[in-house]
Amino acid sequence: MSKEVSFKNRDRFIQIGIAISTLRRFRGMSQDKLAKEAGISRSHVSAIEAPGLANGFSLEVFFNISDALGIDPADLIRAAVFPDQIINGIGSDDKT
């Protein structure tokens, strides 16, 4: 089910899980419904969405979840991962 995540990618998996959880709720879907439509178990959805925990998962699962949520996978990544400029507080107007 969950794959070990390197420290380097930990925050990315957490952000993707939060984005999946948020979008699922906006869509009015339960974890059970998302799991069924994505072809995975509810416990796998729960592990992916677990706040503060980095649970890795395959691209196939990611694509299936994206399809079930009705969002392009690239848009889901963009919604989940903040650019370094935002994380580090560097605005687009800064000339550093």
PDB file of N, CA and C in Angstrom:
ATOM      1  N   MET A   1       0.842  -1.180   0.000  1.00  0.00           N
ATOM      2  CA  MET A   1       0.000   0.000   0.000  1.00  0.00           C
ATOM      3  C   MET A   1       0.883   1.239   0.000  1.00  0.00           C
ATOM      4  N   SER A   2       1.306   1.724   1.167  1.00  0.00           N
ATOM      5  CA  SER A   2       2.125   2.932   1.223  1.00  0.00           C
ATOM      6  C   SER A   2       3.581   2.576   0.991  1.00  0.00           C
ATOM      7  N   LYS A   3       4.269   3.442   0.296  1.00  0.00           N
ATOM      8  CA  LYS A   3       5.671   3.260   0.014  1.00  0.00           C
ATOM      9  C   LYS A   3       6.457   4.231   0.879  1.00  0.00           C
ATOM     10  N   GLU A   4       7.690   3.832   1.249  1.00  0.00           N
ATOM     11  CA  GLU A   4       8.525   4.709   2.053  1.00  0.00           C
ATOM     12  C   GLU A   4       8.888   5.949   1.248  1.00  0.00           C
ATOM     13  N   VAL A   5       8.836   7.089   1.889  1.00  0.00           N
ATOM     14  CA  VAL A   5       9.086   8.371   1.234  1.00  0.00           C
ATOM     15  C   VAL A   5      10.395   8.933   1.764  1.00  0.00           C
ATOM     16  N   SER A   6      11.243   9.406   0.844  1.00  0.00           N
ATOM     17  CA  SER A   6      12.501  10.020   1.272  1.00  0.00           C
ATOM     18  C   SER A   6      12.214  11.359   1.954  1.00  0.00           C
ATOM     19  N   PHE A   7      13.138  11.763   2.798  1.00  0.00           N
ATOM     20  CA  PHE A   7      12.988  13.032   3.509  1.00  0.00           C
ATOM     21  C   PHE A   7      12.802  14.179   2.520  1.00  0.00           C
ATOM     22  N   LYS A   8      13.517  14.124   1.408  1.00  0.00           N
ATOM     23  CA  LYS A   8      13.464  15.173   0.384  1.00  0.00           C
ATOM     24  C   LYS A   8      12.049  15.374  -0.159  1.00  0.00           C
ATOM     25  N   ASN A   9      11.270  14.313  -0.266  1.00  0.00           N
ATOM     26  CA  ASN A   9       9.928  14.399  -0.857  1.00  0.00           C
ATOM     27  C   ASN A   9       8.804  14.377   0.172  1.00  0.00           C
ATOM     28  N   ARG A  10       9.139  14.315   1.434  1.00  0.00           N
ATOM     29  CA  ARG A  10       8.141  14.202   2.493  1.00  0.00           C
ATOM     30  C   ARG A  10       7.071  15.294   2.406  1.00  0.00           C
ATOM     31  N   ASP A  11       7.494  16.546   2.359  1.00  0.00           N
ATOM     32  CA  ASP A  11       6.530  17.653   2.334  1.00  0.00           C
ATOM     33  C   ASP A  11       5.670  17.632   1.075  1.00  0.00           C
ATOM     34  N   ARG A  12       6.236  17.182  -0.030  1.00  0.00           N
ATOM     35  CA  ARG A  12       5.466  17.112  -1.272  1.00  0.00           C
ATOM     36  C   ARG A  12       4.315  16.120  -1.148  1.00  0.00           C
ATOM     37  N   PHE A  13       4.585  14.957  -0.592  1.00  0.00           N
ATOM     38  CA  PHE A  13       3.519  13.968  -0.424  1.00  0.00           C
ATOM     39  C   PHE A  13       2.455  14.461   0.564  1.00  0.00           C
ATOM     40  N   ILE A  14       2.886  15.142   1.615  1.00  0.00           N
ATOM     41  CA  ILE A  14       1.922  15.692   2.572  1.00  0.00           C
ATOM     42  C   ILE A  14       1.035  16.726   1.886  1.00  0.00           C
ATOM     43  N   GLN A  15       1.628  17.625   1.085  1.00  0.00           N
ATOM     44  CA  GLN A  15       0.848  18.651   0.390  1.00  0.00           C
ATOM     45  C   GLN A  15      -0.123  18.039  -0.614  1.00  0.00           C
ATOM     46  N   ILE A  16       0.308  17.009  -1.321  1.00  0.00           N
ATOM     47  CA  ILE A  16      -0.589  16.347  -2.265  1.00  0.00           C
ATOM     48  C   ILE A  16      -1.743  15.691  -1.518  1.00  0.00           C
ATOM     49  N   GLY A  17      -1.462  15.053  -0.396  1.00  0.00           N
ATOM     50  CA  GLY A  17      -2.516  14.433   0.407  1.00  0.00           C
ATOM     51  C   GLY A  17      -3.536  15.451   0.889  1.00  0.00           C
ATOM     52  N   ILE A  18      -3.058  16.606   1.317  1.00  0.00           N
ATOM     53  CA  ILE A  18      -3.958  17.671   1.768  1.00  0.00           C
ATOM     54  C   ILE A  18      -4.804  18.167   0.602  1.00  0.00           C
ATOM     55  N   ALA A  19      -4.187  18.346  -0.570  1.00  0.00           N
ATOM     56  CA  ALA A  19      -4.935  18.807  -1.741  1.00  0.00           C
ATOM     57  C   ALA A  19      -6.003  17.792  -2.140  1.00  0.00           C
ATOM     58  N   ILE A  20      -5.673  16.513  -2.103  1.00  0.00           N
ATOM     59  CA  ILE A  20      -6.643  15.463  -2.435  1.00  0.00           C
ATOM     60  C   ILE A  20      -7.807  15.500  -1.452  1.00  0.00           C
ATOM     61  N   SER A  21      -7.491  15.594  -0.171  1.00  0.00           N
ATOM     62  CA  SER A  21      -8.535  15.633   0.855  1.00  0.00           C
ATOM     63  C   SER A  21      -9.447  16.846   0.675  1.00  0.00           C
ATOM     64  N   THR A  22      -8.845  18.002   0.442  1.00  0.00           N
ATOM     65  CA  THR A  22      -9.615  19.234   0.269  1.00  0.00           C
ATOM     66  C   THR A  22     -10.523  19.164  -0.947  1.00  0.00           C
ATOM     67  N   LEU A  23      -9.970  18.743  -2.071  1.00  0.00           N
ATOM     68  CA  LEU A  23     -10.758  18.664  -3.296  1.00  0.00           C
ATOM     69  C   LEU A  23     -11.863  17.608  -3.173  1.00  0.00           C
ATOM     70  N   ARG A  24     -11.552  16.495  -2.526  1.00  0.00           N
ATOM     71  CA  ARG A  24     -12.563  15.456  -2.309  1.00  0.00           C
ATOM     72  C   ARG A  24     -13.746  16.028  -1.525  1.00  0.00           C
ATOM     73  N   ARG A  25     -13.456  16.794  -0.498  1.00  0.00           N
ATOM     74  CA  ARG A  25     -14.526  17.392   0.314  1.00  0.00           C
ATOM     75  C   ARG A  25     -15.312  18.438  -0.476  1.00  0.00           C
ATOM     76  N   PHE A  26     -14.592  19.253  -1.264  1.00  0.00           N
ATOM     77  CA  PHE A  26     -15.279  20.225  -2.128  1.00  0.00           C
ATOM     78  C   PHE A  26     -16.217  19.526  -3.096  1.00  0.00           C
ATOM     79  N   ARG A  27     -15.831  18.339  -3.542  1.00  0.00           N
ATOM     80  CA  ARG A  27     -16.649  17.567  -4.478  1.00  0.00           C
ATOM     81  C   ARG A  27     -17.779  16.822  -3.775  1.00  0.00           C
ATOM     82  N   GLY A  28     -17.830  16.889  -2.447  1.00  0.00           N
ATOM     83  CA  GLY A  28     -18.864  16.205  -1.682  1.00  0.00           C
ATOM     84  C   GLY A  28     -18.708  14.690  -1.684  1.00  0.00           C
ATOM     85  N   MET A  29     -17.475  14.236  -1.795  1.00  0.00           N
ATOM     86  CA  MET A  29     -17.207  12.795  -1.852  1.00  0.00           C
ATOM     87  C   MET A  29     -16.713  12.292  -0.500  1.00  0.00           C
ATOM     88  N   SER A  30     -17.130  11.096  -0.157  1.00  0.00           N
ATOM     89  CA  SER A  30     -16.576  10.426   1.014  1.00  0.00           C
ATOM     90  C   SER A  30     -15.283   9.724   0.609  1.00  0.00           C
ATOM     91  N   GLN A  31     -14.511   9.320   1.585  1.00  0.00           N
ATOM     92  CA  GLN A  31     -13.320   8.529   1.278  1.00  0.00           C
ATOM     93  C   GLN A  31     -13.713   7.215   0.602  1.00  0.00           C
ATOM     94  N   ASP A  32     -14.818   6.637   1.042  1.00  0.00           N
ATOM     95  CA  ASP A  32     -15.289   5.388   0.428  1.00  0.00           C
ATOM     96  C   ASP A  32     -15.590   5.578  -1.056  1.00  0.00           C
ATOM     97  N   LYS A  33     -16.272   6.662  -1.391  1.00  0.00           N
ATOM     98  CA  LYS A  33     -16.634   6.905  -2.790  1.00  0.00           C
ATOM     99  C   LYS A  33     -15.384   7.152  -3.636  1.00  0.00           C
ATOM    100  N   LEU A  34     -14.459   7.967  -3.134  1.00  0.00           N
ATOM    101  CA  LEU A  34     -13.225   8.217  -3.864  1.00  0.00           C
ATOM    102  C   LEU A  34     -12.457   6.915  -4.066  1.00  0.00           C
ATOM    103  N   ALA A  35     -12.367   6.122  -3.022  1.00  0.00           N
ATOM    104  CA  ALA A  35     -11.651   4.848  -3.114  1.00  0.00           C
ATOM    105  C   ALA A  35     -12.264   3.947  -4.182  1.00  0.00           C
ATOM    106  N   LYS A  36     -13.576   3.853  -4.178  1.00  0.00           N
ATOM    107  CA  LYS A  36     -14.256   2.999  -5.145  1.00  0.00           C
ATOM    108  C   LYS A  36     -13.995   3.486  -6.572  1.00  0.00           C
ATOM    109  N   GLU A  37     -14.129   4.792  -6.802  1.00  0.00           N
ATOM    110  CA  GLU A  37     -13.936   5.342  -8.138  1.00  0.00           C
ATOM    111  C   GLU A  37     -12.478   5.283  -8.594  1.00  0.00           C
ATOM    112  N   ALA A  38     -11.550   5.306  -7.643  1.00  0.00           N
ATOM    113  CA  ALA A  38     -10.121   5.243  -7.973  1.00  0.00           C
ATOM    114  C   ALA A  38      -9.598   3.809  -8.014  1.00  0.00           C
ATOM    115  N   GLY A  39     -10.419   2.861  -7.578  1.00  0.00           N
ATOM    116  CA  GLY A  39     -10.006   1.461  -7.598  1.00  0.00           C
ATOM    117  C   GLY A  39      -8.984   1.096  -6.537  1.00  0.00           C
ATOM    118  N   ILE A  40      -9.085   1.774  -5.377  1.00  0.00           N
ATOM    119  CA  ILE A  40      -8.185   1.477  -4.260  1.00  0.00           C
ATOM    120  C   ILE A  40      -9.025   1.311  -2.992  1.00  0.00           C
ATOM    121  N   SER A  41      -8.389   0.932  -1.903  1.00  0.00           N
ATOM    122  CA  SER A  41      -9.125   0.755  -0.652  1.00  0.00           C
ATOM    123  C   SER A  41      -9.335   2.093   0.054  1.00  0.00           C
ATOM    124  N   ARG A  42     -10.352   2.141   0.910  1.00  0.00           N
ATOM    125  CA  ARG A  42     -10.605   3.344   1.693  1.00  0.00           C
ATOM    126  C   ARG A  42      -9.438   3.609   2.635  1.00  0.00           C
ATOM    127  N   SER A  43      -8.831   2.560   3.153  1.00  0.00           N
ATOM    128  CA  SER A  43      -7.696   2.754   4.059  1.00  0.00           C
ATOM    129  C   SER A  43      -6.497   3.362   3.317  1.00  0.00           C
ATOM    130  N   HIS A  44      -6.371   3.055   2.023  1.00  0.00           N
ATOM    131  CA  HIS A  44      -5.298   3.670   1.237  1.00  0.00           C
ATOM    132  C   HIS A  44      -5.575   5.163   1.058  1.00  0.00           C
ATOM    133  N   VAL A  45      -6.810   5.532   0.765  1.00  0.00           N
ATOM    134  CA  VAL A  45      -7.177   6.951   0.671  1.00  0.00           C
ATOM    135  C   VAL A  45      -6.892   7.641   1.998  1.00  0.00           C
ATOM    136  N   SER A  46      -7.283   7.015   3.086  1.00  0.00           N
ATOM    137  CA  SER A  46      -7.065   7.585   4.410  1.00  0.00           C
ATOM    138  C   SER A  46      -5.574   7.801   4.676  1.00  0.00           C
ATOM    139  N   ALA A  47      -4.747   6.845   4.290  1.00  0.00           N
ATOM    140  CA  ALA A  47      -3.300   6.968   4.492  1.00  0.00           C
ATOM    141  C   ALA A  47      -2.723   8.109   3.654  1.00  0.00           C
ATOM    142  N   ILE A  48      -3.193   8.248   2.423  1.00  0.00           N
ATOM    143  CA  ILE A  48      -2.714   9.319   1.544  1.00  0.00           C
ATOM    144  C   ILE A  48      -3.102  10.684   2.103  1.00  0.00           C
ATOM    145  N   GLU A  49      -4.308  10.793   2.627  1.00  0.00           N
ATOM    146  CA  GLU A  49      -4.821  12.069   3.130  1.00  0.00           C
ATOM    147  C   GLU A  49      -4.381  12.396   4.558  1.00  0.00           C
ATOM    148  N   ALA A  50      -3.766  11.454   5.253  1.00  0.00           N
ATOM    149  CA  ALA A  50      -3.423  11.651   6.664  1.00  0.00           C
ATOM    150  C   ALA A  50      -2.567  12.904   6.849  1.00  0.00           C
ATOM    151  N   PRO A  51      -3.064  13.873   7.612  1.00  0.00           N
ATOM    152  CA  PRO A  51      -2.323  15.122   7.788  1.00  0.00           C
ATOM    153  C   PRO A  51      -1.031  14.891   8.571  1.00  0.00           C
ATOM    154  N   GLY A  52       0.043  15.469   8.072  1.00  0.00           N
ATOM    155  CA  GLY A  52       1.325  15.365   8.761  1.00  0.00           C
ATOM    156  C   GLY A  52       2.071  14.073   8.522  1.00  0.00           C
ATOM    157  N   LEU A  53       1.495  13.167   7.758  1.00  0.00           N
ATOM    158  CA  LEU A  53       2.166  11.899   7.462  1.00  0.00           C
ATOM    159  C   LEU A  53       2.452  11.820   5.973  1.00  0.00           C
ATOM    160  N   ALA A  54       3.633  11.373   5.638  1.00  0.00           N
ATOM    161  CA  ALA A  54       4.021  11.239   4.233  1.00  0.00           C
ATOM    162  C   ALA A  54       3.896   9.777   3.833  1.00  0.00           C
ATOM    163  N   ASN A  55       2.817   9.458   3.163  1.00  0.00           N
ATOM    164  CA  ASN A  55       2.599   8.100   2.684  1.00  0.00           C
ATOM    165  C   ASN A  55       2.701   8.103   1.168  1.00  0.00           C
ATOM    166  N   GLY A  56       3.726   7.437   0.666  1.00  0.00           N
ATOM    167  CA  GLY A  56       3.950   7.398  -0.766  1.00  0.00           C
ATOM    168  C   GLY A  56       2.934   6.517  -1.471  1.00  0.00           C
ATOM    169  N   PHE A  57       2.745   6.803  -2.745  1.00  0.00           N
ATOM    170  CA  PHE A  57       1.847   5.996  -3.561  1.00  0.00           C
ATOM    171  C   PHE A  57       2.287   6.123  -5.007  1.00  0.00           C
ATOM    172  N   SER A  58       1.839   5.184  -5.820  1.00  0.00           N
ATOM    173  CA  SER A  58       2.289   5.110  -7.206  1.00  0.00           C
ATOM    174  C   SER A  58       1.649   6.186  -8.077  1.00  0.00           C
ATOM    175  N   LEU A  59       2.262   6.407  -9.233  1.00  0.00           N
ATOM    176  CA  LEU A  59       1.666   7.319 -10.212  1.00  0.00           C
ATOM    177  C   LEU A  59       0.321   6.794 -10.694  1.00  0.00           C
ATOM    178  N   GLU A  60       0.198   5.489 -10.814  1.00  0.00           N
ATOM    179  CA  GLU A  60      -1.080   4.928 -11.249  1.00  0.00           C
ATOM    180  C   GLU A  60      -2.188   5.300 -10.272  1.00  0.00           C
ATOM    181  N   VAL A  61      -1.915   5.182  -8.982  1.00  0.00           N
ATOM    182  CA  VAL A  61      -2.896   5.574  -7.968  1.00  0.00           C
ATOM    183  C   VAL A  61      -3.164   7.069  -8.066  1.00  0.00           C
ATOM    184  N   PHE A  62      -2.120   7.867  -8.233  1.00  0.00           N
ATOM    185  CA  PHE A  62      -2.280   9.317  -8.369  1.00  0.00           C
ATOM    186  C   PHE A  62      -3.177   9.656  -9.558  1.00  0.00           C
ATOM    187  N   PHE A  63      -2.925   9.024 -10.710  1.00  0.00           N
ATOM    188  CA  PHE A  63      -3.745   9.276 -11.897  1.00  0.00           C
ATOM    189  C   PHE A  63      -5.188   8.834 -11.672  1.00  0.00           C
ATOM    190  N   ASN A  64      -5.390   7.685 -11.026  1.00  0.00           N
ATOM    191  CA  ASN A  64      -6.747   7.204 -10.753  1.00  0.00           C
ATOM    192  C   ASN A  64      -7.494   8.150  -9.821  1.00  0.00           C
ATOM    193  N   ILE A  65      -6.811   8.665  -8.811  1.00  0.00           N
ATOM    194  CA  ILE A  65      -7.434   9.628  -7.896  1.00  0.00           C
ATOM    195  C   ILE A  65      -7.780  10.904  -8.645  1.00  0.00           C
ATOM    196  N   SER A  66      -6.857  11.391  -9.472  1.00  0.00           N
ATOM    197  CA  SER A  66      -7.116  12.598 -10.267  1.00  0.00           C
ATOM    198  C   SER A  66      -8.350  12.423 -11.139  1.00  0.00           C
ATOM    199  N   ASP A  67      -8.437  11.274 -11.817  1.00  0.00           N
ATOM    200  CA  ASP A  67      -9.600  11.003 -12.664  1.00  0.00           C
ATOM    201  C   ASP A  67     -10.880  10.967 -11.842  1.00  0.00           C
ATOM    202  N   ALA A  68     -10.829  10.310 -10.684  1.00  0.00           N
ATOM    203  CA  ALA A  68     -12.016  10.198  -9.830  1.00  0.00           C
ATOM    204  C   ALA A  68     -12.463  11.568  -9.322  1.00  0.00           C
ATOM    205  N   LEU A  69     -11.511  12.466  -9.112  1.00  0.00           N
ATOM    206  CA  LEU A  69     -11.835  13.821  -8.646  1.00  0.00           C
ATOM    207  C   LEU A  69     -12.176  14.760  -9.802  1.00  0.00           C
ATOM    208  N   GLY A  70     -11.974  14.305 -11.029  1.00  0.00           N
ATOM    209  CA  GLY A  70     -12.288  15.133 -12.191  1.00  0.00           C
ATOM    210  C   GLY A  70     -11.329  16.291 -12.374  1.00  0.00           C
ATOM    211  N   ILE A  71     -10.053  16.049 -12.099  1.00  0.00           N
ATOM    212  CA  ILE A  71      -9.044  17.097 -12.237  1.00  0.00           C
ATOM    213  C   ILE A  71      -7.859  16.533 -13.008  1.00  0.00           C
ATOM    214  N   ASP A  72      -7.266  17.361 -13.841  1.00  0.00           N
ATOM    215  CA  ASP A  72      -6.060  16.960 -14.550  1.00  0.00           C
ATOM    216  C   ASP A  72      -4.944  16.741 -13.525  1.00  0.00           C
ATOM    217  N   PRO A  73      -4.166  15.681 -13.660  1.00  0.00           N
ATOM    218  CA  PRO A  73      -3.090  15.419 -12.686  1.00  0.00           C
ATOM    219  C   PRO A  73      -2.138  16.605 -12.514  1.00  0.00           C
ATOM    220  N   ALA A  74      -1.814  17.294 -13.597  1.00  0.00           N
ATOM    221  CA  ALA A  74      -0.915  18.452 -13.493  1.00  0.00           C
ATOM    222  C   ALA A  74      -1.542  19.557 -12.649  1.00  0.00           C
ATOM    223  N   ASP A  75      -2.843  19.755 -12.779  1.00  0.00           N
ATOM    224  CA  ASP A  75      -3.526  20.767 -11.969  1.00  0.00           C
ATOM    225  C   ASP A  75      -3.539  20.374 -10.497  1.00  0.00           C
ATOM    226  N   LEU A  76      -3.661  19.081 -10.234  1.00  0.00           N
ATOM    227  CA  LEU A  76      -3.627  18.625  -8.841  1.00  0.00           C
ATOM    228  C   LEU A  76      -2.246  18.853  -8.237  1.00  0.00           C
ATOM    229  N   ILE A  77      -1.208  18.623  -9.001  1.00  0.00           N
ATOM    230  CA  ILE A  77       0.160  18.901  -8.522  1.00  0.00           C
ATOM    231  C   ILE A  77       0.318  20.394  -8.263  1.00  0.00           C
ATOM    232  N   ARG A  78      -0.122  21.218  -9.209  1.00  0.00           N
ATOM    233  CA  ARG A  78       0.003  22.675  -9.035  1.00  0.00           C
ATOM    234  C   ARG A  78      -0.774  23.155  -7.818  1.00  0.00           C
ATOM    235  N   ALA A  79      -1.908  22.549  -7.561  1.00  0.00           N
ATOM    236  CA  ALA A  79      -2.718  22.948  -6.409  1.00  0.00           C
ATOM    237  C   ALA A  79      -2.064  22.529  -5.099  1.00  0.00           C
ATOM    238  N   ALA A  80      -1.222  21.508  -5.168  1.00  0.00           N
ATOM    239  CA  ALA A  80      -0.669  20.935  -3.944  1.00  0.00           C
ATOM    240  C   ALA A  80       0.701  21.457  -3.569  1.00  0.00           C
ATOM    241  N   VAL A  81       1.513  21.797  -4.541  1.00  0.00           N
ATOM    242  CA  VAL A  81       2.907  22.108  -4.261  1.00  0.00           C
ATOM    243  C   VAL A  81       3.164  23.591  -4.464  1.00  0.00           C
ATOM    244  N   PHE A  82       3.576  24.240  -3.394  1.00  0.00           N
ATOM    245  CA  PHE A  82       3.891  25.661  -3.462  1.00  0.00           C
ATOM    246  C   PHE A  82       5.282  25.849  -4.052  1.00  0.00           C
ATOM    247  N   PRO A  83       5.439  26.819  -4.938  1.00  0.00           N
ATOM    248  CA  PRO A  83       6.772  27.109  -5.467  1.00  0.00           C
ATOM    249  C   PRO A  83       7.704  27.562  -4.350  1.00  0.00           C
ATOM    250  N   ASP A  84       9.005  27.338  -4.546  1.00  0.00           N
ATOM    251  CA  ASP A  84      10.002  27.747  -3.549  1.00  0.00           C
ATOM    252  C   ASP A  84       9.893  29.223  -3.216  1.00  0.00           C
ATOM    253  N   GLN A  85       9.517  30.052  -4.195  1.00  0.00           N
ATOM    254  CA  GLN A  85       9.409  31.483  -3.941  1.00  0.00           C
ATOM    255  C   GLN A  85       8.369  31.770  -2.860  1.00  0.00           C
ATOM    256  N   ILE A  86       7.288  31.033  -2.853  1.00  0.00           N
ATOM    257  CA  ILE A  86       6.249  31.233  -1.840  1.00  0.00           C
ATOM    258  C   ILE A  86       6.735  30.723  -0.487  1.00  0.00           C
ATOM    259  N   ILE A  87       7.331  29.535  -0.487  1.00  0.00           N
ATOM    260  CA  ILE A  87       7.833  28.947   0.763  1.00  0.00           C
ATOM    261  C   ILE A  87       8.873  29.863   1.404  1.00  0.00           C
ATOM    262  N   ASN A  88       9.758  30.417   0.602  1.00  0.00           N
ATOM    263  CA  ASN A  88      10.859  31.236   1.116  1.00  0.00           C
ATOM    264  C   ASN A  88      10.496  32.711   1.245  1.00  0.00           C
ATOM    265  N   GLY A  89       9.250  33.085   0.906  1.00  0.00           N
ATOM    266  CA  GLY A  89       8.791  34.455   1.068  1.00  0.00           C
ATOM    267  C   GLY A  89       9.359  35.430   0.050  1.00  0.00           C
ATOM    268  N   ILE A  90       9.747  34.918  -1.110  1.00  0.00           N
ATOM    269  CA  ILE A  90      10.277  35.783  -2.151  1.00  0.00           C
ATOM    270  C   ILE A  90       9.155  36.099  -3.124  1.00  0.00           C
ATOM    271  N   GLY A  91       8.757  37.337  -3.206  1.00  0.00           N
ATOM    272  CA  GLY A  91       7.701  37.745  -4.121  1.00  0.00           C
ATOM    273  C   GLY A  91       8.205  37.902  -5.535  1.00  0.00           C
ATOM    274  N   SER A  92       7.290  37.945  -6.485  1.00  0.00           N
ATOM    275  CA  SER A  92       7.680  38.111  -7.884  1.00  0.00           C
ATOM    276  C   SER A  92       8.273  39.483  -8.141  1.00  0.00           C
ATOM    277  N   ASP A  93       8.025  40.431  -7.239  1.00  0.00           N
ATOM    278  CA  ASP A  93       8.559  41.795  -7.401  1.00  0.00           C
ATOM    279  C   ASP A  93       9.974  41.920  -6.868  1.00  0.00           C
ATOM    280  N   ASP A  94      10.427  40.936  -6.052  1.00  0.00           N
ATOM    281  CA  ASP A  94      11.769  40.981  -5.479  1.00  0.00           C
ATOM    282  C   ASP A  94      12.808  40.748  -6.553  1.00  0.00           C
ATOM    283  N   LYS A  95      13.917  41.446  -6.427  1.00  0.00           N
ATOM    284  CA  LYS A  95      14.989  41.296  -7.415  1.00  0.00           C
ATOM    285  C   LYS A  95      16.219  40.714  -6.744  1.00  0.00           C
ATOM    286  N   THR A  96      16.036  39.604  -6.063  1.00  0.00           N
ATOM    287  CA  THR A  96      17.147  38.965  -5.369  1.00  0.00           C
ATOM    288  C   THR A  96      17.704  37.837  -6.158  1.00  0.00           C
TER     289      THR A  96
END
